């Protein structure tokens, strides 16, 4: 992923490489990875689920599958949840941490409930694939990253959650 600072704001260019014969075979039978991520991000946003703003995707003009590229708008001031927990949370005043921890837990629970209610499943939901914006109101806002393999379906049942 490349970060590009432009006068109008920051964009990211994700280079979706094909690594090996299995990945190449997948590209033969499905749309390019960048296209899938573009379409999934647009659909997530239409459901009011936080995701990067997709701007464009593209592939080389070739008969054979190859690498693809996705361009998205920056989600600043959101940061990866891992960065928030490892860098920003420890910098908070000790008396603020319990309140922020509770708000973070509630916000993450609401976000996961929204995903379940919308029938969205993310196959790799680790803290690096979640962005969090923690404004002064202390109501965190979460967004998803790496959404090429997100699945959409009916709302999840209690047993599936």
Protein backbone atom coordinates (compact mmCIF):
# COMPACT_ATOMS: atom_id res chain seq x y z
CA UNK A 1 0.00 0.00 0.00
CA UNK A 2 1.37 3.38 -1.02
CA UNK A 3 0.38 6.64 0.67
CA UNK A 4 0.14 9.59 -1.74
CA UNK A 5 -0.19 13.12 -0.34
CA UNK A 6 -1.96 15.39 -2.82
CA UNK A 7 -3.04 19.03 -2.45
CA UNK A 8 -6.65 17.81 -2.20
CA UNK A 9 -5.86 15.20 0.50
CA UNK A 10 -4.23 11.85 1.06
CA UNK A 11 -5.06 8.80 -1.03
CA UNK A 12 -3.82 5.23 -0.83
CA UNK A 13 -2.85 3.08 -3.78
CA UNK A 14 -3.05 -0.63 -2.98
CA UNK A 15 -1.09 -2.90 -5.29
CA UNK A 16 -2.83 -6.29 -5.30
CA UNK A 17 -0.14 -8.69 -6.47
CA UNK A 18 -0.57 -12.24 -7.65
CA UNK A 19 1.67 -14.42 -5.52
CA UNK A 20 1.88 -17.93 -6.90
CA UNK A 21 -0.13 -20.31 -9.06
CA UNK A 22 -3.10 -20.54 -6.67
CA UNK A 23 -3.58 -16.76 -6.64
CA UNK A 24 -3.22 -16.68 -10.44
CA UNK A 25 -5.90 -19.39 -10.80
CA UNK A 26 -8.25 -17.39 -8.53
CA UNK A 27 -7.79 -14.35 -10.75
CA UNK A 28 -8.78 -16.44 -13.78
CA UNK A 29 -12.17 -17.42 -12.30
CA UNK A 30 -13.10 -14.27 -10.33
CA UNK A 31 -12.91 -10.52 -10.81
CA UNK A 32 -9.63 -8.77 -9.97
CA UNK A 33 -8.97 -8.39 -6.25
CA UNK A 34 -8.95 -4.58 -6.52
CA UNK A 35 -12.37 -4.60 -8.20
CA UNK A 36 -13.83 -6.84 -5.48
CA UNK A 37 -12.44 -4.55 -2.76
CA UNK A 38 -13.75 -1.46 -4.59
CA UNK A 39 -17.26 -2.92 -4.90
CA UNK A 40 -17.32 -4.25 -1.34
CA UNK A 41 -16.18 -0.90 0.10
CA UNK A 42 -18.88 0.91 -1.88
CA UNK A 43 -21.52 -1.55 -0.67
CA UNK A 44 -20.36 -1.28 2.95
CA UNK A 45 -20.57 2.50 2.75
CA UNK A 46 -24.10 2.25 1.30
CA UNK A 47 -25.03 0.26 4.45
CA UNK A 48 -23.53 3.03 6.65
CA UNK A 49 -20.68 0.74 7.64
CA UNK A 50 -17.34 2.48 7.82
CA UNK A 51 -14.96 1.59 4.99
CA UNK A 52 -12.42 3.41 2.88
CA UNK A 53 -13.91 5.63 0.20
CA UNK A 54 -13.19 3.82 -3.07
CA UNK A 55 -12.07 6.16 -5.86
CA UNK A 56 -10.85 3.85 -8.66
CA UNK A 57 -9.51 0.43 -9.49
CA UNK A 58 -7.61 -0.84 -12.51
CA UNK A 59 -5.67 -3.65 -14.16
CA UNK A 60 -3.22 -3.83 -17.02
CA UNK A 61 -4.78 -4.24 -20.47
CA UNK A 62 -3.94 -7.91 -21.00
CA UNK A 63 -5.63 -11.21 -21.80
CA UNK A 64 -3.86 -12.79 -18.80
CA UNK A 65 -4.70 -12.02 -15.19
CA UNK A 66 -2.20 -9.86 -13.40
CA UNK A 67 -1.80 -7.41 -10.60
CA UNK A 68 -4.55 -4.90 -9.93
CA UNK A 69 -4.63 -1.53 -8.16
CA UNK A 70 -7.14 0.13 -5.86
CA UNK A 71 -7.19 3.83 -5.00
CA UNK A 72 -9.02 4.97 -1.86
CA UNK A 73 -9.38 8.22 0.07
CA UNK A 74 -7.73 8.58 3.47
CA UNK A 75 -9.96 8.02 6.51
CA UNK A 76 -8.06 10.47 8.75
CA UNK A 77 -8.22 11.04 11.63
CA UNK A 78 -9.03 7.34 12.03
CA UNK A 79 -6.08 5.08 12.87
CA UNK A 80 -5.67 1.30 12.99
CA UNK A 81 -7.00 -0.10 16.26
CA UNK A 82 -3.57 -1.62 16.92
CA UNK A 83 -1.95 1.83 16.72
CA UNK A 84 -4.57 3.31 19.03
CA UNK A 85 -4.11 0.56 21.62
CA UNK A 86 -0.30 0.49 21.45
CA UNK A 87 0.48 4.21 21.12
CA UNK A 88 -2.44 6.50 21.87
CA UNK A 89 -4.17 4.66 24.70
CA UNK A 90 -1.03 4.44 26.90
CA UNK A 91 -0.50 8.19 26.41
CA UNK A 92 -3.87 8.99 28.02
CA UNK A 93 -4.00 10.20 31.59
CA UNK A 94 -4.41 7.21 33.95
CA UNK A 95 -7.75 8.49 35.25
CA UNK A 96 -9.13 8.70 31.65
CA UNK A 97 -8.20 5.15 30.63
CA UNK A 98 -11.09 3.27 32.31
CA UNK A 99 -13.68 5.55 30.67
CA UNK A 100 -11.99 5.33 27.26
CA UNK A 101 -11.67 1.53 27.63
CA UNK A 102 -15.43 1.24 28.33
CA UNK A 103 -16.34 3.54 25.42
CA UNK A 104 -14.03 1.60 23.12
CA UNK A 105 -15.60 -1.72 24.16
CA UNK A 106 -19.14 -0.36 23.73
CA UNK A 107 -18.28 1.17 20.36
CA UNK A 108 -16.68 -2.02 19.10
CA UNK A 109 -19.69 -4.02 20.29
CA UNK A 110 -22.06 -1.66 18.46
CA UNK A 111 -19.95 -1.88 15.32
CA UNK A 112 -19.85 -5.69 15.37
CA UNK A 113 -23.61 -5.77 16.01
CA UNK A 114 -24.13 -3.51 12.99
CA UNK A 115 -22.05 -5.89 10.86
CA UNK A 116 -24.09 -8.86 12.08
CA UNK A 117 -27.41 -7.05 11.59
CA UNK A 118 -26.40 -6.19 8.01
CA UNK A 119 -25.27 -9.77 7.32
CA UNK A 120 -21.63 -8.72 6.82
CA UNK A 121 -18.85 -11.14 7.66
CA UNK A 122 -15.14 -10.28 7.47
CA UNK A 123 -12.90 -13.35 7.18
CA UNK A 124 -9.92 -11.65 8.88
CA UNK A 125 -11.26 -9.37 11.65
CA UNK A 126 -8.06 -8.58 13.54
CA UNK A 127 -7.21 -5.21 15.12
CA UNK A 128 -5.06 -4.22 12.12
CA UNK A 129 -8.10 -4.47 9.84
CA UNK A 130 -10.16 -2.12 12.03
CA UNK A 131 -9.77 1.63 12.04
CA UNK A 132 -10.97 3.70 14.97
CA UNK A 133 -11.67 7.40 15.20
CA UNK A 134 -11.93 8.56 18.80
CA UNK A 135 -13.31 12.12 18.81
CA UNK A 136 -13.64 14.41 21.83
CA UNK A 137 -17.22 13.14 22.30
CA UNK A 138 -15.66 9.77 23.30
CA UNK A 139 -18.03 7.92 20.97
CA UNK A 140 -15.66 5.88 18.81
CA UNK A 141 -16.34 5.30 15.14
CA UNK A 142 -15.03 2.10 13.55
CA UNK A 143 -14.27 1.28 9.91
CA UNK A 144 -13.13 -1.86 8.09
CA UNK A 145 -9.98 -2.34 6.05
CA UNK A 146 -8.96 -5.11 3.65
CA UNK A 147 -12.52 -5.80 2.49
CA UNK A 148 -11.88 -7.79 -0.70
CA UNK A 149 -13.19 -11.01 0.90
CA UNK A 150 -16.09 -9.51 2.90
CA UNK A 151 -19.28 -11.53 2.47
CA UNK A 152 -22.81 -10.14 2.38
CA UNK A 153 -25.84 -12.18 3.30
CA UNK A 154 -28.87 -12.19 5.54
CA UNK A 155 -28.49 -10.91 9.10
CA UNK A 156 -26.58 -13.37 11.24
CA UNK A 157 -28.49 -15.44 13.78
CA UNK A 158 -27.49 -15.55 17.46
CA UNK A 159 -25.90 -18.96 16.85
CA UNK A 160 -23.74 -17.55 14.03
CA UNK A 161 -22.51 -14.62 16.12
